[in-house]
Amino acid sequence: AIGLQFDDWWAVVGWAIEAGAVVWVGLRSRREWMRLGGALLMVVTLVRLFSLGFFDAPSGFTMVFNARVGATLVIVAVFYALAAAHQRWGRELSDRAAPEIATLFVGANVLTILLMSTEISFFWQLRAEADATANLARLASLSFAWGLYGTALIVIGIVRRYAPIRYLAIALLLVTVGKVFLVDLNQLGGIYRIIGFVGLGLFLLLASWLYQRYKSVIL
């Protein structure tokens, strides 16, 4: 019914909410087949989200205030809501629903990272013709944003004592370091190279200090 009544981004929003509702009902009623059905519907929703041009800059692009961002944020919100629901009502499941909770938290953050990265890329791509330094600014902005987000995830993972988020943060920081040395170092110059390296260095120092300072809590 949602697919027939709504188009494009609105259908994605409707399916995401429906998938979350089905998983929630299956969780509360202890019906595994309903949780599986809701999870499959969410997978279909994600496929639809990415097939609508998630990685392509639309004409007349407006940063942040656009349908793509709204639909993605709804899915992220559903992921967080389902993670909270599994934390509350999943205690009787095998492993206390730990795999499901980790998948939902990591999935929400991966979607957020993809959304943030594409928004930054679209912003600078549409200015490439008028600004010769747009590509350099895009590379530096992505490195800075990933470093900042990875550091924030480490803080959250330490405060909440939740290892999957910390592992995701470490993976993101490793990707950022690889990008800086393999891509940025060859293409960036002047102020953009300085900003990129100084920013990444500060984030890595902060992350290492946090791990050293709270290693007793983590372990």
Protein backbone atom coordinates (compact mmCIF):
# COMPACT_ATOMS: atom_id res chain seq x y z
CA ALA A 1 0.00 0.00 0.00
CA ILE A 2 2.82 2.41 0.83
CA GLY A 3 4.60 1.60 -2.42
CA LEU A 4 1.41 2.27 -4.41
CA GLN A 5 0.36 5.40 -2.56
CA PHE A 6 3.71 7.18 -2.21
CA ASP A 7 6.68 7.77 -4.48
CA ASP A 8 10.43 7.90 -4.04
CA TRP A 9 11.56 9.38 -0.70
CA TRP A 10 8.10 9.26 0.91
CA ALA A 11 7.89 5.54 0.17
CA VAL A 12 11.28 5.07 1.83
CA VAL A 13 10.03 6.91 4.92
CA GLY A 14 6.83 4.86 5.03
CA TRP A 15 8.64 1.53 4.63
CA ALA A 16 11.23 2.44 7.29
CA ILE A 17 8.51 3.24 9.83
CA GLU A 18 6.55 0.12 8.88
CA ALA A 19 9.67 -2.06 9.19
CA GLY A 20 10.40 -0.60 12.61
CA ALA A 21 6.82 -1.21 13.73
CA VAL A 22 6.86 -4.85 12.55
CA VAL A 23 10.16 -5.53 14.33
CA TRP A 24 8.84 -3.87 17.50
CA VAL A 25 5.63 -5.93 17.46
CA GLY A 26 7.62 -9.10 16.85
CA LEU A 27 9.93 -8.25 19.73
CA ARG A 28 7.10 -7.54 22.16
CA SER A 29 5.09 -10.61 21.13
CA ARG A 30 8.18 -12.89 20.97
CA ARG A 31 7.48 -13.76 17.33
CA GLU A 32 10.81 -14.30 15.60
CA TRP A 33 9.24 -14.52 12.14
CA MET A 34 7.83 -11.01 12.54
CA ARG A 35 11.22 -9.61 13.56
CA LEU A 36 12.78 -11.33 10.55
CA GLY A 37 10.07 -9.96 8.27
CA GLY A 38 10.63 -6.44 9.60
CA ALA A 39 14.39 -6.81 9.14
CA LEU A 40 13.93 -7.95 5.53
CA LEU A 41 11.64 -4.99 4.86
CA MET A 42 14.32 -2.67 6.28
CA VAL A 43 16.87 -4.20 3.91
CA VAL A 44 14.50 -3.51 1.00
CA THR A 45 14.09 0.03 2.30
CA LEU A 46 17.87 0.58 2.35
CA VAL A 47 18.20 -0.81 -1.17
CA ARG A 48 15.48 1.59 -2.31
CA LEU A 49 17.17 4.48 -0.51
CA PHE A 50 20.49 3.89 -2.27
CA SER A 51 18.83 3.29 -5.67
CA LEU A 52 17.14 6.70 -5.64
CA GLY A 53 20.41 8.47 -6.34
CA PHE A 54 21.76 8.56 -2.81
CA PHE A 55 25.31 9.00 -4.13
CA ASP A 56 24.44 11.43 -6.94
CA ALA A 57 24.12 15.18 -6.49
CA PRO A 58 20.62 16.25 -7.64
CA SER A 59 20.00 19.37 -9.67
CA GLY A 60 19.14 22.35 -7.51
CA PHE A 61 20.81 20.71 -4.53
CA THR A 62 20.22 22.38 -1.17
CA MET A 63 22.55 21.20 1.58
CA VAL A 64 20.88 19.54 4.61
CA PHE A 65 17.36 20.75 3.79
CA ASN A 66 16.43 18.14 1.19
CA ALA A 67 14.32 15.00 0.92
CA ARG A 68 17.31 12.65 0.84
CA VAL A 69 18.55 13.89 4.22
CA GLY A 70 15.06 13.70 5.72
CA ALA A 71 14.45 10.13 4.56
CA THR A 72 17.87 8.97 5.75
CA LEU A 73 17.44 10.58 9.16
CA VAL A 74 14.11 8.79 9.56
CA ILE A 75 15.86 5.45 8.98
CA VAL A 76 18.61 6.41 11.43
CA ALA A 77 15.96 7.34 14.02
CA VAL A 78 14.20 3.98 13.48
CA PHE A 79 17.52 2.18 14.01
CA TYR A 80 18.12 3.97 17.30
CA ALA A 81 14.52 3.35 18.43
CA LEU A 82 14.81 -0.36 17.66
CA ALA A 83 18.15 -0.56 19.46
CA ALA A 84 16.53 0.98 22.54
CA ALA A 85 13.59 -1.43 22.22
CA HIS A 86 15.92 -4.43 22.07
CA GLN A 87 17.79 -3.15 25.11
CA ARG A 88 14.51 -3.00 27.03
CA TRP A 89 12.61 -6.04 25.79
CA GLY A 90 15.32 -8.26 24.34
CA ARG A 91 16.69 -9.62 27.61
CA GLU A 92 15.02 -12.97 27.12
CA LEU A 93 16.50 -13.45 23.65
CA SER A 94 19.71 -15.37 23.01
CA ASP A 95 22.75 -13.27 23.97
CA ARG A 96 20.30 -10.70 25.38
CA ALA A 97 19.89 -9.36 21.81
CA ALA A 98 23.49 -8.10 21.85
CA PRO A 99 24.13 -8.81 18.12
CA GLU A 100 20.92 -7.04 17.12
CA ILE A 101 21.70 -4.02 19.28
CA ALA A 102 25.25 -3.74 17.95
CA THR A 103 24.04 -4.05 14.34
CA LEU A 104 21.45 -1.32 14.85
CA PHE A 105 23.85 1.10 16.55
CA VAL A 106 26.62 0.52 14.02
CA GLY A 107 24.17 0.68 11.12
CA ALA A 108 22.77 4.01 12.32
CA ASN A 109 26.25 5.51 12.57
CA VAL A 110 27.40 4.13 9.21
CA LEU A 111 24.33 5.67 7.58
CA THR A 112 25.07 8.96 9.32
CA ILE A 113 28.67 8.89 8.09
CA LEU A 114 27.55 8.17 4.52
CA LEU A 115 24.99 10.97 4.67
CA MET A 116 27.47 13.46 6.09
CA SER A 117 30.12 12.50 3.52
CA THR A 118 27.80 12.78 0.53
CA GLU A 119 26.41 16.12 1.69
CA ILE A 120 29.93 17.52 1.96
CA SER A 121 30.88 16.09 -1.44
CA PHE A 122 27.76 17.45 -3.16
CA PHE A 123 28.34 20.90 -1.64
CA TRP A 124 31.82 21.19 -3.15
CA GLN A 125 31.10 19.35 -6.40
CA LEU A 126 28.47 21.90 -7.39
CA ARG A 127 31.04 24.66 -6.85
CA ALA A 128 33.82 23.00 -8.82
CA GLU A 129 33.19 25.00 -12.01
CA ALA A 130 33.27 28.37 -10.26
CA ASP A 131 35.98 27.55 -7.70
CA ALA A 132 39.23 25.90 -8.76
CA THR A 133 39.99 24.88 -5.17
CA ALA A 134 36.63 23.16 -4.61
CA ASN A 135 38.04 19.64 -4.97
CA LEU A 136 40.85 20.38 -2.54
CA ALA A 137 38.35 21.82 -0.07
CA ARG A 138 36.18 18.72 -0.48
CA LEU A 139 39.06 16.37 0.36
CA ALA A 140 40.11 18.43 3.38
CA SER A 141 36.51 18.77 4.60
CA LEU A 142 35.92 15.02 4.40
CA SER A 143 39.09 14.23 6.34
CA PHE A 144 38.22 16.78 9.01
CA ALA A 145 34.62 15.57 9.30
CA TRP A 146 35.64 11.90 9.54
CA GLY A 147 38.28 12.68 12.14
CA LEU A 148 35.84 14.72 14.21
CA TYR A 149 33.10 12.08 13.98
CA GLY A 150 35.49 9.25 14.79
CA THR A 151 36.76 11.08 17.86
CA ALA A 152 33.19 11.77 18.99
CA LEU A 153 32.34 8.07 18.62
CA ILE A 154 35.33 7.13 20.77
CA VAL A 155 34.13 9.51 23.48
CA ILE A 156 30.62 8.05 23.30
CA GLY A 157 31.95 4.48 23.30
CA ILE A 158 34.05 5.16 26.39
CA VAL A 159 31.31 7.01 28.26
CA ARG A 160 28.73 4.31 27.47
CA ARG A 161 31.32 1.50 27.82
CA TYR A 162 30.16 0.10 24.49
CA ALA A 163 32.84 -1.66 22.45
CA PRO A 164 31.11 -1.85 19.00
CA ILE A 165 30.95 1.95 18.79
CA ARG A 166 34.62 2.22 19.75
CA TYR A 167 35.56 -0.34 17.10
CA LEU A 168 33.62 1.60 14.49
CA ALA A 169 35.40 4.78 15.58
CA ILE A 170 38.82 3.12 15.27
CA ALA A 171 37.90 1.81 11.79
CA LEU A 172 36.78 5.29 10.72
CA LEU A 173 39.97 6.88 12.02
CA LEU A 174 42.08 4.27 10.23
CA VAL A 175 40.23 5.00 6.97
CA THR A 176 40.83 8.70 7.57
CA VAL A 177 44.55 8.18 8.15
CA GLY A 178 44.76 6.07 4.99
CA LYS A 179 42.92 8.73 2.99
CA VAL A 180 45.18 11.50 4.29
CA PHE A 181 48.41 9.71 3.37
CA LEU A 182 47.29 8.04 0.14
CA VAL A 183 45.06 10.77 -1.32
CA ASP A 184 45.32 14.08 0.49
CA LEU A 185 49.11 14.10 0.64
CA ASN A 186 49.30 13.86 -3.16
CA GLN A 187 46.59 16.37 -3.99
CA LEU A 188 46.28 18.91 -1.21
CA GLY A 189 48.59 21.88 -0.98
CA GLY A 190 49.02 25.05 1.00
CA ILE A 191 46.49 25.81 3.70
CA TYR A 192 44.32 22.75 2.96
CA ARG A 193 47.21 20.34 3.59
CA ILE A 194 48.07 22.14 6.83
CA ILE A 195 44.49 22.11 8.06
CA GLY A 196 44.05 18.44 7.15
CA PHE A 197 47.20 17.21 8.87
CA VAL A 198 46.90 19.41 11.95
CA GLY A 199 43.24 18.51 12.40
CA LEU A 200 43.86 14.77 12.01
CA GLY A 201 46.84 14.93 14.36
CA LEU A 202 44.77 16.62 17.05
CA PHE A 203 41.97 14.07 16.71
CA LEU A 204 44.40 11.14 16.94
CA LEU A 205 46.14 12.65 19.97
CA LEU A 206 42.79 13.17 21.68
CA ALA A 207 41.66 9.63 20.88
CA SER A 208 44.88 8.09 22.18
CA TRP A 209 44.73 10.21 25.33
CA LEU A 210 41.15 9.13 25.98
CA TYR A 211 42.10 5.46 25.62
CA GLN A 212 45.06 5.90 27.95
CA ARG A 213 43.07 7.94 30.47
CA TYR A 214 40.10 5.56 30.65
CA LYS A 215 41.71 2.22 29.84
CA SER A 216 40.70 0.83 33.22
CA VAL A 217 37.07 1.63 32.44
CA ILE A 218 37.27 0.16 28.93
CA LEU A 219 38.99 -3.04 30.02
